[in-house]
Amino acid sequence: MPLEDLARDRFILGNAEECWNDIERHARTLGVNHFIFRLQWPGMPQEDALGQIAQLGREVVQKTRTSSAPSGV
């Protein structure tokens, strides 16, 4: 099975806009308003993981304030 097929609806990967679109789609489709993000993988330097956390907050989480997705997303 190709990685793209395996990842579909299991992982949220991509740039900020792509990630936001997937989060919003899951929120609308499933009615969820809480997500757990894994931003550090085995072997990933701590500095890279911290950068990912900062980028998620800056470019994705901030969109929740202007979103029409279910409350809390």
N, C-alpha and C. Protein backbone atom coordinates (compact mmCIF):
# COMPACT_ATOMS: atom_id res chain seq x y z
N MET A 1 0.85 -1.18 0.00
CA MET A 1 0.00 0.00 0.00
C MET A 1 0.90 1.24 0.00
N PRO A 2 0.66 2.19 -0.90
CA PRO A 2 1.46 3.42 -0.93
C PRO A 2 1.30 4.23 0.36
N LEU A 3 2.37 4.94 0.73
CA LEU A 3 2.36 5.75 1.95
C LEU A 3 1.20 6.74 1.93
N GLU A 4 0.92 7.34 0.80
CA GLU A 4 -0.17 8.32 0.71
C GLU A 4 -1.50 7.70 1.13
N ASP A 5 -1.74 6.47 0.71
CA ASP A 5 -2.99 5.78 1.08
C ASP A 5 -3.00 5.45 2.56
N LEU A 6 -1.86 5.01 3.07
CA LEU A 6 -1.76 4.66 4.49
C LEU A 6 -1.94 5.90 5.37
N ALA A 7 -1.36 7.00 4.97
CA ALA A 7 -1.39 8.22 5.78
C ALA A 7 -2.75 8.92 5.75
N ARG A 8 -3.49 8.74 4.67
CA ARG A 8 -4.78 9.45 4.53
C ARG A 8 -5.68 9.15 5.73
N ASP A 9 -6.14 10.19 6.37
CA ASP A 9 -7.04 10.11 7.53
C ASP A 9 -6.39 9.48 8.77
N ARG A 10 -5.08 9.29 8.76
CA ARG A 10 -4.37 8.80 9.94
C ARG A 10 -3.38 9.83 10.46
N PHE A 11 -2.79 10.57 9.54
CA PHE A 11 -1.76 11.53 9.90
C PHE A 11 -2.12 12.88 9.28
N ILE A 12 -1.71 13.93 9.94
CA ILE A 12 -1.85 15.27 9.38
C ILE A 12 -0.45 15.75 9.08
N LEU A 13 -0.14 15.85 7.80
CA LEU A 13 1.19 16.22 7.35
C LEU A 13 1.07 17.29 6.27
N GLY A 14 2.02 18.21 6.23
CA GLY A 14 2.03 19.19 5.16
C GLY A 14 2.41 20.56 5.67
N ASN A 15 2.18 21.56 4.82
CA ASN A 15 2.45 22.93 5.24
C ASN A 15 1.31 23.39 6.15
N ALA A 16 1.41 24.61 6.65
CA ALA A 16 0.43 25.09 7.63
C ALA A 16 -0.99 25.07 7.08
N GLU A 17 -1.16 25.48 5.85
CA GLU A 17 -2.50 25.52 5.24
C GLU A 17 -3.07 24.11 5.06
N GLU A 18 -2.24 23.19 4.60
CA GLU A 18 -2.69 21.80 4.43
C GLU A 18 -3.06 21.18 5.77
N CYS A 19 -2.23 21.43 6.79
CA CYS A 19 -2.52 20.89 8.13
C CYS A 19 -3.82 21.47 8.66
N TRP A 20 -3.99 22.78 8.52
CA TRP A 20 -5.21 23.41 9.01
C TRP A 20 -6.44 22.84 8.30
N ASN A 21 -6.36 22.65 6.99
CA ASN A 21 -7.49 22.09 6.25
C ASN A 21 -7.86 20.71 6.75
N ASP A 22 -6.85 19.88 7.05
CA ASP A 22 -7.12 18.54 7.59
C ASP A 22 -7.72 18.61 8.98
N ILE A 23 -7.20 19.49 9.83
CA ILE A 23 -7.74 19.63 11.19
C ILE A 23 -9.20 20.06 11.11
N GLU A 24 -9.47 21.05 10.30
CA GLU A 24 -10.84 21.54 10.17
C GLU A 24 -11.77 20.47 9.60
N ARG A 25 -11.28 19.70 8.63
CA ARG A 25 -12.08 18.62 8.05
C ARG A 25 -12.41 17.56 9.10
N HIS A 26 -11.42 17.17 9.88
CA HIS A 26 -11.66 16.18 10.94
C HIS A 26 -12.65 16.73 11.97
N ALA A 27 -12.50 17.99 12.32
CA ALA A 27 -13.39 18.61 13.31
C ALA A 27 -14.84 18.59 12.81
N ARG A 28 -15.04 18.96 11.56
CA ARG A 28 -16.39 18.99 11.00
C ARG A 28 -16.96 17.58 10.81
N THR A 29 -16.16 16.69 10.27
CA THR A 29 -16.63 15.35 9.95
C THR A 29 -16.88 14.52 11.20
N LEU A 30 -15.95 14.59 12.15
CA LEU A 30 -16.04 13.76 13.34
C LEU A 30 -16.64 14.47 14.55
N GLY A 31 -16.74 15.79 14.47
CA GLY A 31 -17.27 16.55 15.60
C GLY A 31 -16.31 16.65 16.77
N VAL A 32 -15.03 16.41 16.52
CA VAL A 32 -14.05 16.48 17.60
C VAL A 32 -13.56 17.90 17.78
N ASN A 33 -13.14 18.23 19.01
CA ASN A 33 -12.59 19.56 19.25
C ASN A 33 -11.31 19.50 20.07
N HIS A 34 -10.72 18.33 20.16
CA HIS A 34 -9.42 18.16 20.81
C HIS A 34 -8.55 17.28 19.91
N PHE A 35 -7.31 17.66 19.78
CA PHE A 35 -6.36 16.91 18.98
C PHE A 35 -5.09 16.70 19.79
N ILE A 36 -4.40 15.61 19.53
CA ILE A 36 -3.10 15.34 20.13
C ILE A 36 -2.10 15.34 18.98
N PHE A 37 -1.06 16.14 19.11
CA PHE A 37 -0.06 16.26 18.06
C PHE A 37 1.25 15.66 18.54
N ARG A 38 1.85 14.85 17.70
CA ARG A 38 3.18 14.32 17.98
C ARG A 38 4.14 15.04 17.03
N LEU A 39 4.97 15.87 17.58
CA LEU A 39 5.83 16.72 16.77
C LEU A 39 7.30 16.33 16.85
N GLN A 40 7.62 15.33 17.63
CA GLN A 40 9.00 14.87 17.71
C GLN A 40 9.03 13.37 17.50
N TRP A 41 9.89 12.95 16.61
CA TRP A 41 10.02 11.54 16.27
C TRP A 41 11.38 11.03 16.75
N PRO A 42 11.54 9.73 16.94
CA PRO A 42 12.84 9.19 17.37
C PRO A 42 13.96 9.66 16.45
N GLY A 43 14.99 10.17 17.07
CA GLY A 43 16.15 10.64 16.32
C GLY A 43 16.08 12.11 15.90
N MET A 44 14.92 12.75 16.09
CA MET A 44 14.79 14.16 15.72
C MET A 44 15.45 15.02 16.79
N PRO A 45 16.29 15.95 16.38
CA PRO A 45 16.92 16.83 17.37
C PRO A 45 15.88 17.67 18.13
N GLN A 46 16.13 17.89 19.39
CA GLN A 46 15.21 18.66 20.24
C GLN A 46 14.93 20.04 19.66
N GLU A 47 15.96 20.67 19.10
CA GLU A 47 15.80 22.01 18.52
C GLU A 47 14.78 21.99 17.37
N ASP A 48 14.80 20.96 16.56
CA ASP A 48 13.84 20.84 15.46
C ASP A 48 12.42 20.65 15.99
N ALA A 49 12.28 19.83 17.03
CA ALA A 49 10.96 19.61 17.61
C ALA A 49 10.41 20.90 18.21
N LEU A 50 11.23 21.65 18.91
CA LEU A 50 10.78 22.93 19.47
C LEU A 50 10.38 23.90 18.37
N GLY A 51 11.10 23.87 17.26
CA GLY A 51 10.74 24.70 16.12
C GLY A 51 9.38 24.31 15.55
N GLN A 52 9.10 23.01 15.51
CA GLN A 52 7.81 22.53 15.02
C GLN A 52 6.67 22.98 15.94
N ILE A 53 6.91 22.92 17.24
CA ILE A 53 5.90 23.37 18.21
C ILE A 53 5.61 24.86 18.01
N ALA A 54 6.66 25.64 17.87
CA ALA A 54 6.49 27.09 17.67
C ALA A 54 5.74 27.37 16.37
N GLN A 55 6.11 26.66 15.31
CA GLN A 55 5.46 26.87 14.02
C GLN A 55 3.98 26.46 14.07
N LEU A 56 3.67 25.37 14.74
CA LEU A 56 2.28 24.94 14.89
C LEU A 56 1.47 26.03 15.58
N GLY A 57 2.01 26.60 16.63
CA GLY A 57 1.32 27.67 17.34
C GLY A 57 1.15 28.92 16.52
N ARG A 58 2.19 29.30 15.80
CA ARG A 58 2.17 30.52 15.00
C ARG A 58 1.27 30.41 13.78
N GLU A 59 1.37 29.30 13.08
CA GLU A 59 0.74 29.22 11.76
C GLU A 59 -0.53 28.38 11.71
N VAL A 60 -0.77 27.55 12.70
CA VAL A 60 -1.94 26.67 12.64
C VAL A 60 -2.91 26.97 13.78
N VAL A 61 -2.45 26.89 15.01
CA VAL A 61 -3.33 27.09 16.16
C VAL A 61 -3.96 28.48 16.13
N GLN A 62 -3.23 29.46 15.67
CA GLN A 62 -3.76 30.82 15.60
C GLN A 62 -5.01 30.88 14.72
N LYS A 63 -5.12 30.01 13.74
CA LYS A 63 -6.30 29.99 12.87
C LYS A 63 -7.56 29.61 13.62
N THR A 64 -7.43 28.96 14.77
CA THR A 64 -8.62 28.55 15.52
C THR A 64 -9.41 29.76 16.00
N ARG A 65 -8.77 30.89 16.15
CA ARG A 65 -9.46 32.08 16.63
C ARG A 65 -10.43 32.67 15.59
N THR A 66 -10.19 32.37 14.32
CA THR A 66 -11.04 32.89 13.25
C THR A 66 -11.78 31.79 12.52
N SER A 67 -11.74 30.59 13.07
CA SER A 67 -12.32 29.43 12.40
C SER A 67 -13.83 29.35 12.58
N SER A 68 -14.46 28.75 11.59
CA SER A 68 -15.89 28.44 11.70
C SER A 68 -16.07 26.96 12.06
N ALA A 69 -14.97 26.28 12.36
CA ALA A 69 -15.04 24.87 12.77
C ALA A 69 -15.70 24.79 14.14
N PRO A 70 -16.10 23.57 14.56
CA PRO A 70 -16.72 23.42 15.87
C PRO A 70 -15.91 24.06 16.99
N SER A 71 -16.57 24.56 17.98
CA SER A 71 -15.95 25.26 19.09
C SER A 71 -14.80 24.46 19.68
N GLY A 72 -13.71 25.16 19.95
CA GLY A 72 -12.57 24.52 20.59
C GLY A 72 -11.52 24.07 19.61
N VAL A 73 -11.81 24.09 18.31
CA VAL A 73 -10.82 23.66 17.33
C VAL A 73 -10.13 24.88 16.80
